Amino acid sequence: MEISVELTFSPLQDDFEEHIIQFIQKLRQSGLTILENPLSTQVYGSYDKVMEVLNQEIKIAFNLMDRGLLFMKIVKSDRSNYEPHF
C-alpha cells in the first residue's frame, strides 16, 4: 500500500532551524520520495517503509531537542505526481 505523508516539524526552542535541517536531511537519505516547501515536507512511499523511517527519525529528532511538536497528515495513495486540473 502506498501512502503520502505531510509533515510540519516545529521545535519549540531558539535553535529550531538546526533541528529542522537535520530532520529533513535524514529523510532525504532514506531513499523515499521527499518533496519540500517552506511550510512542510512531504514523504511518499510504501506504508511499511515510510512508517519505519518516520518512527526512527521522529524519535531521534525528539531526543535531540527539549520541546517540539510535529503535525502529520497521512493519505492512503501516492500523491507525489499530483497536478491541479484548474
C-alpha atoms as a PDB file:
ATOM      1  CA  MET A   1       0.000   0.000   0.000  1.00  0.00           C
ATOM      2  CA  GLU A   2       1.339   3.417  -0.988  1.00  0.00           C
ATOM      3  CA  ILE A   3       0.934   6.470   1.236  1.00  0.00           C
ATOM      4  CA  SER A   4       1.631  10.195   1.187  1.00  0.00           C
ATOM      5  CA  VAL A   5       2.576  11.961   4.414  1.00  0.00           C
ATOM      6  CA  GLU A   6       2.755  15.692   5.055  1.00  0.00           C
ATOM      7  CA  LEU A   7       4.917  16.759   7.982  1.00  0.00           C
ATOM      8  CA  THR A   8       5.251  20.102   9.721  1.00  0.00           C
ATOM      9  CA  PHE A   9       8.024  19.879  12.312  1.00  0.00           C
ATOM     10  CA  SER A  10       8.222  22.669  14.901  1.00  0.00           C
ATOM     11  CA  PRO A  11      10.902  22.539  17.579  1.00  0.00           C
ATOM     12  CA  LEU A  12       9.785  24.947  20.311  1.00  0.00           C
ATOM     13  CA  GLN A  13      13.178  26.419  21.138  1.00  0.00           C
ATOM     14  CA  ASP A  14      15.578  29.081  19.889  1.00  0.00           C
ATOM     15  CA  ASP A  15      17.818  26.798  17.790  1.00  0.00           C
ATOM     16  CA  PHE A  16      14.867  25.370  15.828  1.00  0.00           C
ATOM     17  CA  GLU A  17      16.411  25.707  12.339  1.00  0.00           C
ATOM     18  CA  GLU A  18      19.237  23.293  13.113  1.00  0.00           C
ATOM     19  CA  HIS A  19      16.761  20.607  14.214  1.00  0.00           C
ATOM     20  CA  ILE A  20      14.531  21.016  11.157  1.00  0.00           C
ATOM     21  CA  ILE A  21      17.510  20.857   8.783  1.00  0.00           C
ATOM     22  CA  GLN A  22      18.872  17.693  10.428  1.00  0.00           C
ATOM     23  CA  PHE A  23      15.454  16.028  10.305  1.00  0.00           C
ATOM     24  CA  ILE A  24      14.956  16.798   6.599  1.00  0.00           C
ATOM     25  CA  GLN A  25      18.498  15.699   5.725  1.00  0.00           C
ATOM     26  CA  LYS A  26      17.863  12.322   7.384  1.00  0.00           C
ATOM     27  CA  LEU A  27      14.602  11.930   5.441  1.00  0.00           C
ATOM     28  CA  ARG A  28      16.440  12.695   2.182  1.00  0.00           C
ATOM     29  CA  GLN A  29      18.880   9.844   2.926  1.00  0.00           C
ATOM     30  CA  SER A  30      16.042   7.324   3.337  1.00  0.00           C
ATOM     31  CA  GLY A  31      15.551   6.577  -0.364  1.00  0.00           C
ATOM     32  CA  LEU A  32      11.914   7.671  -0.167  1.00  0.00           C
ATOM     33  CA  THR A  33      10.438  10.358  -2.410  1.00  0.00           C
ATOM     34  CA  ILE A  34      10.705  13.650  -0.486  1.00  0.00           C
ATOM     35  CA  LEU A  35       9.236  16.982  -1.591  1.00  0.00           C
ATOM     36  CA  GLU A  36       9.782  20.154   0.401  1.00  0.00           C
ATOM     37  CA  ASN A  37       8.283  23.611   0.507  1.00  0.00           C
ATOM     38  CA  PRO A  38       8.601  26.478   3.012  1.00  0.00           C
ATOM     39  CA  LEU A  39       5.695  25.205   5.136  1.00  0.00           C
ATOM     40  CA  SER A  40       6.011  21.420   5.150  1.00  0.00           C
ATOM     41  CA  THR A  41       7.781  18.307   3.932  1.00  0.00           C
ATOM     42  CA  GLN A  42       6.021  15.517   2.049  1.00  0.00           C
ATOM     43  CA  VAL A  43       7.141  11.892   2.157  1.00  0.00           C
ATOM     44  CA  TYR A  44       5.908   9.276  -0.342  1.00  0.00           C
ATOM     45  CA  GLY A  45       6.360   5.528  -0.480  1.00  0.00           C
ATOM     46  CA  SER A  46       5.143   2.189   0.783  1.00  0.00           C
ATOM     47  CA  TYR A  47       3.334   2.302   4.124  1.00  0.00           C
ATOM     48  CA  ASP A  48       5.807  -0.008   5.880  1.00  0.00           C
ATOM     49  CA  LYS A  49       8.927   1.818   4.680  1.00  0.00           C
ATOM     50  CA  VAL A  50       7.557   5.336   5.307  1.00  0.00           C
ATOM     51  CA  MET A  51       6.347   4.479   8.793  1.00  0.00           C
ATOM     52  CA  GLU A  52       9.617   2.691   9.638  1.00  0.00           C
ATOM     53  CA  VAL A  53      11.663   5.730   8.603  1.00  0.00           C
ATOM     54  CA  LEU A  54       9.349   8.222  10.320  1.00  0.00           C
ATOM     55  CA  ASN A  55       9.230   6.204  13.535  1.00  0.00           C
ATOM     56  CA  GLN A  56      13.021   6.134  13.705  1.00  0.00           C
ATOM     57  CA  GLU A  57      13.703   9.728  12.624  1.00  0.00           C
ATOM     58  CA  ILE A  58      10.970  11.343  14.735  1.00  0.00           C
ATOM     59  CA  LYS A  59      12.284   9.557  17.822  1.00  0.00           C
ATOM     60  CA  ILE A  60      15.843  10.720  17.097  1.00  0.00           C
ATOM     61  CA  ALA A  61      14.692  14.305  16.425  1.00  0.00           C
ATOM     62  CA  PHE A  62      12.623  14.459  19.613  1.00  0.00           C
ATOM     63  CA  ASN A  63      15.541  13.104  21.674  1.00  0.00           C
ATOM     64  CA  LEU A  64      17.792  15.895  20.348  1.00  0.00           C
ATOM     65  CA  MET A  65      15.558  18.767  21.496  1.00  0.00           C
ATOM     66  CA  ASP A  66      13.905  19.979  24.655  1.00  0.00           C
ATOM     67  CA  ARG A  67      10.415  20.668  23.283  1.00  0.00           C
ATOM     68  CA  GLY A  68       8.755  20.325  19.926  1.00  0.00           C
ATOM     69  CA  LEU A  69       5.727  19.253  18.001  1.00  0.00           C
ATOM     70  CA  LEU A  70       5.077  17.512  14.734  1.00  0.00           C
ATOM     71  CA  PHE A  71       1.907  17.746  12.667  1.00  0.00           C
ATOM     72  CA  MET A  72       1.357  14.797  10.356  1.00  0.00           C
ATOM     73  CA  LYS A  73      -1.288  14.061   7.721  1.00  0.00           C
ATOM     74  CA  ILE A  74      -1.433  10.661   6.020  1.00  0.00           C
ATOM     75  CA  VAL A  75      -3.235   9.894   2.758  1.00  0.00           C
ATOM     76  CA  LYS A  76      -3.691   6.339   1.518  1.00  0.00           C
ATOM     77  CA  SER A  77      -2.318   6.834  -2.005  1.00  0.00           C
ATOM     78  CA  ASP A  78       0.812   8.137  -3.667  1.00  0.00           C
ATOM     79  CA  ARG A  79       0.070  11.797  -4.424  1.00  0.00           C
ATOM     80  CA  SER A  80       3.645  12.684  -5.450  1.00  0.00           C
ATOM     81  CA  ASN A  81       2.605  13.305  -9.077  1.00  0.00           C
ATOM     82  CA  TYR A  82      -0.378  15.497  -8.221  1.00  0.00           C
ATOM     83  CA  GLU A  83      -1.047  18.375 -10.604  1.00  0.00           C
ATOM     84  CA  PRO A  84      -4.029  20.697 -10.226  1.00  0.00           C
ATOM     85  CA  HIS A  85      -6.592  20.473 -13.031  1.00  0.00           C
ATOM     86  CA  PHE A  86      -7.966  24.006 -12.757  1.00  0.00           C
END
